[in-house]
PDB file of N, CA and C in Angstrom:
ATOM      1  N   UNK A   1       0.845  -1.168   0.057  1.00  0.00           N
ATOM      2  CA  UNK A   1      -0.055  -0.250  -0.527  1.00  0.00           C
ATOM      3  C   UNK A   1       1.159   1.372  -0.348  1.00  0.00           C
ATOM      4  N   UNK A   2       0.366   1.900  -0.657  1.00  0.00           N
ATOM      5  CA  UNK A   2       1.526   3.202  -0.976  1.00  0.00           C
ATOM      6  C   UNK A   2       0.562   4.709  -0.344  1.00  0.00           C
ATOM      7  N   UNK A   3       1.181   5.468   0.433  1.00  0.00           N
ATOM      8  CA  UNK A   3       0.464   6.492   0.824  1.00  0.00           C
ATOM      9  C   UNK A   3       1.095   7.855  -0.031  1.00  0.00           C
ATOM     10  N   UNK A   4      -0.156   8.764  -0.210  1.00  0.00           N
ATOM     11  CA  UNK A   4       0.721   9.942  -0.444  1.00  0.00           C
ATOM     12  C   UNK A   4       0.153  10.949   0.194  1.00  0.00           C
ATOM     13  N   UNK A   5       0.576  12.248   0.689  1.00  0.00           N
ATOM     14  CA  UNK A   5      -0.005  13.315   1.416  1.00  0.00           C
ATOM     15  C   UNK A   5      -1.567  14.009   0.786  1.00  0.00           C
ATOM     16  N   UNK A   6      -1.761  14.306   1.434  1.00  0.00           N
ATOM     17  CA  UNK A   6      -3.661  14.461   0.854  1.00  0.00           C
ATOM     18  C   UNK A   6      -3.430  16.404   0.905  1.00  0.00           C
ATOM     19  N   UNK A   7      -3.807  17.281  -0.112  1.00  0.00           N
ATOM     20  CA  UNK A   7      -3.410  18.332  -0.705  1.00  0.00           C
ATOM     21  C   UNK A   7      -4.304  19.269   0.763  1.00  0.00           C
ATOM     22  N   UNK A   8      -6.060  18.774   0.524  1.00  0.00           N
ATOM     23  CA  UNK A   8      -6.896  19.888   1.332  1.00  0.00           C
ATOM     24  C   UNK A   8      -7.119  18.818   2.548  1.00  0.00           C
ATOM     25  N   UNK A   9      -7.583  19.692   4.196  1.00  0.00           N
ATOM     26  CA  UNK A   9      -8.168  18.909   4.888  1.00  0.00           C
ATOM     27  C   UNK A   9      -9.257  17.992   4.859  1.00  0.00           C
ATOM     28  N   UNK A  10     -10.390  18.893   3.694  1.00  0.00           N
ATOM     29  CA  UNK A  10     -11.592  18.157   3.818  1.00  0.00           C
ATOM     30  C   UNK A  10     -11.519  16.843   2.807  1.00  0.00           C
ATOM     31  N   UNK A  11     -10.065  16.417   2.052  1.00  0.00           N
ATOM     32  CA  UNK A  11     -10.017  15.287   1.335  1.00  0.00           C
ATOM     33  C   UNK A  11      -9.444  14.634   2.815  1.00  0.00           C
ATOM     34  N   UNK A  12      -8.690  15.284   3.349  1.00  0.00           N
ATOM     35  CA  UNK A  12      -8.316  14.002   4.633  1.00  0.00           C
ATOM     36  C   UNK A  12      -9.534  13.481   5.473  1.00  0.00           C
ATOM     37  N   UNK A  13     -10.678  14.523   5.627  1.00  0.00           N
ATOM     38  CA  UNK A  13     -11.611  13.609   6.291  1.00  0.00           C
ATOM     39  C   UNK A  13     -12.642  12.964   5.984  1.00  0.00           C
ATOM     40  N   UNK A  14     -12.873  13.175   4.302  1.00  0.00           N
ATOM     41  CA  UNK A  14     -13.273  12.629   3.875  1.00  0.00           C
ATOM     42  C   UNK A  14     -13.176  11.186   3.652  1.00  0.00           C
ATOM     43  N   UNK A  15     -11.809  10.586   3.919  1.00  0.00           N
ATOM     44  CA  UNK A  15     -11.210   9.746   3.496  1.00  0.00           C
ATOM     45  C   UNK A  15     -11.108   8.677   5.420  1.00  0.00           C
ATOM     46  N   UNK A  16     -11.088   9.413   6.311  1.00  0.00           N
ATOM     47  CA  UNK A  16     -10.804   8.976   7.201  1.00  0.00           C
ATOM     48  C   UNK A  16     -11.841   8.157   7.636  1.00  0.00           C
ATOM     49  N   UNK A  17     -11.604   6.317   7.899  1.00  0.00           N
ATOM     50  CA  UNK A  17     -12.274   5.226   8.252  1.00  0.00           C
ATOM     51  C   UNK A  17     -12.469   5.320   9.458  1.00  0.00           C
ATOM     52  N   UNK A  18     -13.874   5.678  10.238  1.00  0.00           N
ATOM     53  CA  UNK A  18     -13.853   6.032  11.842  1.00  0.00           C
ATOM     54  C   UNK A  18     -14.128   4.314  12.326  1.00  0.00           C
ATOM     55  N   UNK A  19     -14.194   3.394  11.662  1.00  0.00           N
ATOM     56  CA  UNK A  19     -15.175   2.205  11.717  1.00  0.00           C
ATOM     57  C   UNK A  19     -13.882   1.248  11.680  1.00  0.00           C
ATOM     58  N   UNK A  20     -12.769   1.770  10.704  1.00  0.00           N
ATOM     59  CA  UNK A  20     -12.008   0.493  10.590  1.00  0.00           C
ATOM     60  C   UNK A  20     -10.664   0.796  11.139  1.00  0.00           C
ATOM     61  N   UNK A  21     -10.444  -0.617  12.030  1.00  0.00           N
ATOM     62  CA  UNK A  21      -9.283  -0.120  13.139  1.00  0.00           C
ATOM     63  C   UNK A  21      -8.179  -0.490  12.649  1.00  0.00           C
ATOM     64  N   UNK A  22      -6.797  -0.084  12.732  1.00  0.00           N
ATOM     65  CA  UNK A  22      -5.715  -0.105  12.109  1.00  0.00           C
ATOM     66  C   UNK A  22      -5.009  -1.605  12.677  1.00  0.00           C
ATOM     67  N   UNK A  23      -4.431  -2.259  11.953  1.00  0.00           N
ATOM     68  CA  UNK A  23      -3.840  -3.468  12.269  1.00  0.00           C
ATOM     69  C   UNK A  23      -2.468  -3.081  13.078  1.00  0.00           C
ATOM     70  N   UNK A  24      -1.689  -4.111  13.919  1.00  0.00           N
ATOM     71  CA  UNK A  24      -0.590  -3.629  14.614  1.00  0.00           C
ATOM     72  C   UNK A  24       0.504  -2.948  13.762  1.00  0.00           C
ATOM     73  N   UNK A  25       0.806  -3.576  12.710  1.00  0.00           N
ATOM     74  CA  UNK A  25       2.152  -2.907  12.127  1.00  0.00           C
ATOM     75  C   UNK A  25       1.662  -2.229  11.297  1.00  0.00           C
ATOM     76  N   UNK A  26       0.660  -1.526  10.583  1.00  0.00           N
ATOM     77  CA  UNK A  26       0.116  -0.446  10.278  1.00  0.00           C
ATOM     78  C   UNK A  26       0.923   0.772  10.049  1.00  0.00           C
ATOM     79  N   UNK A  27       1.798   0.736   9.026  1.00  0.00           N
ATOM     80  CA  UNK A  27       2.458   1.962   9.130  1.00  0.00           C
ATOM     81  C   UNK A  27       1.979   3.502   9.563  1.00  0.00           C
ATOM     82  N   UNK A  28       0.841   3.665   9.158  1.00  0.00           N
ATOM     83  CA  UNK A  28      -0.243   5.067   9.521  1.00  0.00           C
ATOM     84  C   UNK A  28      -0.328   4.784  11.343  1.00  0.00           C
ATOM     85  N   UNK A  29       0.222   3.869  11.877  1.00  0.00           N
ATOM     86  CA  UNK A  29      -0.375   4.217  13.062  1.00  0.00           C
ATOM     87  C   UNK A  29       0.493   4.859  13.797  1.00  0.00           C
ATOM     88  N   UNK A  30      -0.029   5.654  15.014  1.00  0.00           N
ATOM     89  CA  UNK A  30       1.081   6.967  15.750  1.00  0.00           C
ATOM     90  C   UNK A  30       0.658   6.943  16.917  1.00  0.00           C
ATOM     91  N   UNK A  31       1.321   6.699  17.808  1.00  0.00           N
ATOM     92  CA  UNK A  31       1.275   6.487  19.335  1.00  0.00           C
ATOM     93  C   UNK A  31       1.002   7.843  19.882  1.00  0.00           C
ATOM     94  N   UNK A  32      -0.428   8.093  20.375  1.00  0.00           N
ATOM     95  CA  UNK A  32      -0.849   9.431  20.813  1.00  0.00           C
ATOM     96  C   UNK A  32      -0.780   9.495  22.236  1.00  0.00           C
ATOM     97  N   UNK A  33      -0.728   8.649  22.614  1.00  0.00           N
ATOM     98  CA  UNK A  33      -0.727   8.515  24.845  1.00  0.00           C
ATOM     99  C   UNK A  33      -0.478  10.094  25.227  1.00  0.00           C
ATOM    100  N   UNK A  34       1.239  10.135  24.856  1.00  0.00           N
ATOM    101  CA  UNK A  34       1.531  11.727  25.468  1.00  0.00           C
ATOM    102  C   UNK A  34       0.776  12.486  25.127  1.00  0.00           C
ATOM    103  N   UNK A  35       0.269  12.995  23.756  1.00  0.00           N
ATOM    104  CA  UNK A  35      -0.525  14.187  23.419  1.00  0.00           C
ATOM    105  C   UNK A  35      -2.113  13.832  23.910  1.00  0.00           C
ATOM    106  N   UNK A  36      -2.151  12.902  24.703  1.00  0.00           N
ATOM    107  CA  UNK A  36      -3.778  12.895  24.981  1.00  0.00           C
ATOM    108  C   UNK A  36      -3.844  13.038  26.591  1.00  0.00           C
ATOM    109  N   UNK A  37      -2.096  12.650  27.280  1.00  0.00           N
ATOM    110  CA  UNK A  37      -2.624  13.292  28.130  1.00  0.00           C
ATOM    111  C   UNK A  37      -2.560  12.170  29.777  1.00  0.00           C
ATOM    112  N   UNK A  38      -2.081  12.698  30.679  1.00  0.00           N
ATOM    113  CA  UNK A  38      -1.981  11.699  31.292  1.00  0.00           C
ATOM    114  C   UNK A  38      -3.296  11.515  32.320  1.00  0.00           C
ATOM    115  N   UNK A  39      -3.495  10.380  33.094  1.00  0.00           N
ATOM    116  CA  UNK A  39      -4.493  10.182  34.015  1.00  0.00           C
ATOM    117  C   UNK A  39      -5.094  11.681  34.875  1.00  0.00           C
ATOM    118  N   UNK A  40      -3.853  12.676  35.373  1.00  0.00           N
ATOM    119  CA  UNK A  40      -4.242  13.203  36.212  1.00  0.00           C
ATOM    120  C   UNK A  40      -4.724  14.588  35.011  1.00  0.00           C
ATOM    121  N   UNK A  41      -4.427  14.458  33.760  1.00  0.00           N
ATOM    122  CA  UNK A  41      -5.554  15.657  32.638  1.00  0.00           C
ATOM    123  C   UNK A  41      -6.632  15.105  32.673  1.00  0.00           C
ATOM    124  N   UNK A  42      -6.869  13.678  32.932  1.00  0.00           N
ATOM    125  CA  UNK A  42      -8.706  13.287  32.516  1.00  0.00           C
ATOM    126  C   UNK A  42      -9.243  13.340  33.966  1.00  0.00           C
ATOM    127  N   UNK A  43      -8.373  13.459  35.169  1.00  0.00           N
ATOM    128  CA  UNK A  43      -9.097  13.985  36.049  1.00  0.00           C
ATOM    129  C   UNK A  43      -9.344  15.449  36.203  1.00  0.00           C
ATOM    130  N   UNK A  44      -8.885  16.034  36.146  1.00  0.00           N
ATOM    131  CA  UNK A  44      -8.660  17.444  36.050  1.00  0.00           C
ATOM    132  C   UNK A  44     -10.081  17.988  34.931  1.00  0.00           C
ATOM    133  N   UNK A  45     -10.353  17.362  33.384  1.00  0.00           N
ATOM    134  CA  UNK A  45     -11.234  17.924  32.756  1.00  0.00           C
ATOM    135  C   UNK A  45     -12.660  17.121  33.371  1.00  0.00           C
ATOM    136  N   UNK A  46     -12.329  16.031  33.769  1.00  0.00           N
ATOM    137  CA  UNK A  46     -13.645  15.290  34.169  1.00  0.00           C
ATOM    138  C   UNK A  46     -14.332  16.115  35.176  1.00  0.00           C
ATOM    139  N   UNK A  47     -14.037  16.645  36.275  1.00  0.00           N
ATOM    140  CA  UNK A  47     -13.852  17.391  37.567  1.00  0.00           C
ATOM    141  C   UNK A  47     -14.270  18.715  36.805  1.00  0.00           C
ATOM    142  N   UNK A  48     -14.277  19.501  35.554  1.00  0.00           N
ATOM    143  CA  UNK A  48     -14.368  20.991  34.716  1.00  0.00           C
ATOM    144  C   UNK A  48     -16.127  20.559  34.593  1.00  0.00           C
ATOM    145  N   UNK A  49     -16.660  19.283  34.316  1.00  0.00           N
ATOM    146  CA  UNK A  49     -17.785  18.807  33.934  1.00  0.00           C
ATOM    147  C   UNK A  49     -18.422  18.104  34.998  1.00  0.00           C
ATOM    148  N   UNK A  50     -18.182  18.338  36.142  1.00  0.00           N
ATOM    149  CA  UNK A  50     -18.940  17.780  37.284  1.00  0.00           C
ATOM    150  C   UNK A  50     -18.598  16.592  37.541  1.00  0.00           C
ATOM    151  N   UNK A  51     -17.412  15.762  36.950  1.00  0.00           N
ATOM    152  CA  UNK A  51     -17.861  14.376  37.485  1.00  0.00           C
ATOM    153  C   UNK A  51     -16.502  13.833  38.258  1.00  0.00           C
ATOM    154  N   UNK A  52     -16.552  13.034  39.013  1.00  0.00           N
ATOM    155  CA  UNK A  52     -15.691  12.635  39.855  1.00  0.00           C
ATOM    156  C   UNK A  52     -15.339  10.922  39.387  1.00  0.00           C
ATOM    157  N   UNK A  53     -14.459  10.744  38.767  1.00  0.00           N
ATOM    158  CA  UNK A  53     -13.729   9.407  38.126  1.00  0.00           C
ATOM    159  C   UNK A  53     -13.605   8.486  39.600  1.00  0.00           C
ATOM    160  N   UNK A  54     -13.145   8.788  40.572  1.00  0.00           N
ATOM    161  CA  UNK A  54     -12.658   7.912  41.398  1.00  0.00           C
ATOM    162  C   UNK A  54     -14.277   7.274  42.043  1.00  0.00           C
ATOM    163  N   UNK A  55     -14.993   8.141  42.274  1.00  0.00           N
ATOM    164  CA  UNK A  55     -16.685   7.338  42.653  1.00  0.00           C
ATOM    165  C   UNK A  55     -17.413   7.150  41.616  1.00  0.00           C
ATOM    166  N   UNK A  56     -17.401   7.648  40.450  1.00  0.00           N
ATOM    167  CA  UNK A  56     -18.294   7.673  39.137  1.00  0.00           C
ATOM    168  C   UNK A  56     -19.567   8.611  39.728  1.00  0.00           C
ATOM    169  N   UNK A  57     -19.366   9.432  40.048  1.00  0.00           N
ATOM    170  CA  UNK A  57     -20.498  10.357  40.358  1.00  0.00           C
ATOM    171  C   UNK A  57     -20.614  11.398  39.596  1.00  0.00           C
ATOM    172  N   UNK A  58     -21.982  12.480  39.535  1.00  0.00           N
ATOM    173  CA  UNK A  58     -21.781  13.405  38.857  1.00  0.00           C
ATOM    174  C   UNK A  58     -22.318  14.553  39.898  1.00  0.00           C
ATOM    175  N   UNK A  59     -21.417  15.752  39.829  1.00  0.00           N
ATOM    176  CA  UNK A  59     -22.231  16.638  40.522  1.00  0.00           C
ATOM    177  C   UNK A  59     -22.787  18.377  39.733  1.00  0.00           C
ATOM    178  N   UNK A  60     -24.249  18.469  40.140  1.00  0.00           N
ATOM    179  CA  UNK A  60     -24.956  19.448  39.934  1.00  0.00           C
ATOM    180  C   UNK A  60     -23.366  20.579  39.531  1.00  0.00           C
ATOM    181  N   UNK A  61     -24.040  21.633  38.648  1.00  0.00           N
ATOM    182  CA  UNK A  61     -23.517  22.884  38.520  1.00  0.00           C
ATOM    183  C   UNK A  61     -23.355  23.656  39.358  1.00  0.00           C
ATOM    184  N   UNK A  62     -21.975  24.551  39.787  1.00  0.00           N
ATOM    185  CA  UNK A  62     -22.126  25.668  40.514  1.00  0.00           C
ATOM    186  C   UNK A  62     -22.803  26.674  39.812  1.00  0.00           C
ATOM    187  N   UNK A  63     -23.567  27.868  40.313  1.00  0.00           N
ATOM    188  CA  UNK A  63     -24.631  28.633  39.651  1.00  0.00           C
ATOM    189  C   UNK A  63     -23.294  29.961  40.499  1.00  0.00           C
TER     190      UNK A  63
END
């Protein structure tokens, strides 16, 4: 399989196959764990939306 860079972002979006998982040895695979952040990043974001990941509880927004 040969890959060529796509010229337009819309062309990229049209060709993304969200339902198609990449195989383990696929050259398109990119490790994104560092970019996605750590567990601390997840906890901070969850708290902003009123969720406590430790207890899986949601809290009403403060007014």
